[in-house]
C-alpha atoms as a PDB file:
ATOM      1  CA  UNK A   1     -16.346  -3.824 -13.175  1.00  0.00           C
ATOM      2  CA  UNK A   2     -16.157  -0.354 -14.731  1.00  0.00           C
ATOM      3  CA  UNK A   3     -18.444  -1.315 -17.605  1.00  0.00           C
ATOM      4  CA  UNK A   4     -21.231   1.179 -16.909  1.00  0.00           C
ATOM      5  CA  UNK A   5     -21.418   4.941 -16.551  1.00  0.00           C
ATOM      6  CA  UNK A   6     -20.027   7.007 -14.950  1.00  0.00           C
ATOM      7  CA  UNK A   7     -16.847   4.950 -15.327  1.00  0.00           C
ATOM      8  CA  UNK A   8     -17.272   2.909 -18.496  1.00  0.00           C
ATOM      9  CA  UNK A   9     -13.965   1.346 -19.440  1.00  0.00           C
ATOM     10  CA  UNK A  10     -15.461  -1.556 -21.366  1.00  0.00           C
ATOM     11  CA  UNK A  11     -13.750  -0.431 -24.560  1.00  0.00           C
ATOM     12  CA  UNK A  12     -10.301  -0.547 -22.901  1.00  0.00           C
ATOM     13  CA  UNK A  13      -8.048  -3.504 -22.075  1.00  0.00           C
ATOM     14  CA  UNK A  14      -8.419  -5.151 -18.630  1.00  0.00           C
ATOM     15  CA  UNK A  15      -5.249  -3.457 -17.420  1.00  0.00           C
ATOM     16  CA  UNK A  16      -7.053  -0.108 -17.459  1.00  0.00           C
ATOM     17  CA  UNK A  17      -9.761  -1.577 -15.207  1.00  0.00           C
ATOM     18  CA  UNK A  18      -7.097  -2.636 -12.728  1.00  0.00           C
ATOM     19  CA  UNK A  19      -5.468   0.807 -12.826  1.00  0.00           C
ATOM     20  CA  UNK A  20      -8.821   2.419 -12.044  1.00  0.00           C
ATOM     21  CA  UNK A  21      -9.389   0.031  -9.150  1.00  0.00           C
ATOM     22  CA  UNK A  22      -5.931   0.845  -7.789  1.00  0.00           C
ATOM     23  CA  UNK A  23      -6.792   4.566  -7.904  1.00  0.00           C
ATOM     24  CA  UNK A  24      -9.931   3.926  -5.857  1.00  0.00           C
ATOM     25  CA  UNK A  25      -8.089   1.772  -3.312  1.00  0.00           C
ATOM     26  CA  UNK A  26      -5.326   4.350  -3.026  1.00  0.00           C
ATOM     27  CA  UNK A  27      -7.823   7.160  -2.399  1.00  0.00           C
ATOM     28  CA  UNK A  28      -9.624   5.108   0.269  1.00  0.00           C
ATOM     29  CA  UNK A  29      -6.324   4.315   1.975  1.00  0.00           C
ATOM     30  CA  UNK A  30      -5.252   7.977   1.857  1.00  0.00           C
ATOM     31  CA  UNK A  31      -8.632   9.037   3.300  1.00  0.00           C
ATOM     32  CA  UNK A  32      -8.007   6.723   6.277  1.00  0.00           C
ATOM     33  CA  UNK A  33      -4.666   8.446   6.823  1.00  0.00           C
ATOM     34  CA  UNK A  34      -2.631   5.359   5.990  1.00  0.00           C
ATOM     35  CA  UNK A  35       0.381   5.013   3.731  1.00  0.00           C
ATOM     36  CA  UNK A  36      -0.345   4.675   0.013  1.00  0.00           C
ATOM     37  CA  UNK A  37       3.151   3.436  -0.784  1.00  0.00           C
ATOM     38  CA  UNK A  38       1.761   0.101  -1.985  1.00  0.00           C
ATOM     39  CA  UNK A  39      -0.242   1.892  -4.679  1.00  0.00           C
ATOM     40  CA  UNK A  40       2.229   4.666  -5.473  1.00  0.00           C
ATOM     41  CA  UNK A  41       5.324   2.508  -5.956  1.00  0.00           C
ATOM     42  CA  UNK A  42       4.559  -1.220  -5.657  1.00  0.00           C
ATOM     43  CA  UNK A  43       8.109  -2.228  -6.602  1.00  0.00           C
ATOM     44  CA  UNK A  44       9.439  -0.625  -3.432  1.00  0.00           C
ATOM     45  CA  UNK A  45       7.047  -2.450  -1.126  1.00  0.00           C
ATOM     46  CA  UNK A  46       8.696  -5.852  -1.258  1.00  0.00           C
ATOM     47  CA  UNK A  47      10.693  -4.985   1.862  1.00  0.00           C
ATOM     48  CA  UNK A  48       7.448  -4.870   3.848  1.00  0.00           C
ATOM     49  CA  UNK A  49       7.206  -8.648   3.732  1.00  0.00           C
ATOM     50  CA  UNK A  50      10.908  -9.328   4.293  1.00  0.00           C
ATOM     51  CA  UNK A  51      11.167 -11.397   7.500  1.00  0.00           C
ATOM     52  CA  UNK A  52      14.727 -10.194   8.109  1.00  0.00           C
ATOM     53  CA  UNK A  53      13.621  -6.556   8.129  1.00  0.00           C
ATOM     54  CA  UNK A  54      10.692  -7.354  10.425  1.00  0.00           C
ATOM     55  CA  UNK A  55      12.924  -9.240  12.841  1.00  0.00           C
ATOM     56  CA  UNK A  56      15.461  -6.390  12.930  1.00  0.00           C
ATOM     57  CA  UNK A  57      12.738  -3.817  13.562  1.00  0.00           C
ATOM     58  CA  UNK A  58      11.250  -5.963  16.319  1.00  0.00           C
ATOM     59  CA  UNK A  59      14.663  -6.137  18.017  1.00  0.00           C
ATOM     60  CA  UNK A  60      15.094  -2.356  17.738  1.00  0.00           C
ATOM     61  CA  UNK A  61      11.636  -1.786  19.240  1.00  0.00           C
ATOM     62  CA  UNK A  62      12.403  -4.147  22.124  1.00  0.00           C
ATOM     63  CA  UNK A  63      15.567  -2.159  22.848  1.00  0.00           C
ATOM     64  CA  UNK A  64      13.920   1.248  22.432  1.00  0.00           C
ATOM     65  CA  UNK A  65      10.116   1.453  22.416  1.00  0.00           C
ATOM     66  CA  UNK A  66      10.341   4.935  20.839  1.00  0.00           C
ATOM     67  CA  UNK A  67      12.380   3.723  17.860  1.00  0.00           C
ATOM     68  CA  UNK A  68      10.998   5.459  14.726  1.00  0.00           C
ATOM     69  CA  UNK A  69       9.542   3.020  12.220  1.00  0.00           C
ATOM     70  CA  UNK A  70       9.823   3.445   8.434  1.00  0.00           C
ATOM     71  CA  UNK A  71       6.748   4.519   6.508  1.00  0.00           C
ATOM     72  CA  UNK A  72       4.300   1.654   6.101  1.00  0.00           C
ATOM     73  CA  UNK A  73       5.147  -0.011   9.425  1.00  0.00           C
ATOM     74  CA  UNK A  74       3.259   0.276  12.679  1.00  0.00           C
ATOM     75  CA  UNK A  75       3.558  -1.166  16.167  1.00  0.00           C
ATOM     76  CA  UNK A  76       1.121  -3.860  17.230  1.00  0.00           C
END
């Protein structure tokens, strides 16, 4: 990946290839109107998979269906 023009990164370490891929994924996510938090600050996204947080949010939504969700969450 990224070894031919117009984006030839073959002379760079593999990390640069991953960074370029992350830029593309971030742009595609932004174009869909979704949160790019995962790409912008991956260290802050660990809470998205925290079962405790999900359970608390589910309880809040059951109590108040209009409860505002943090960025990156959506109702299903």
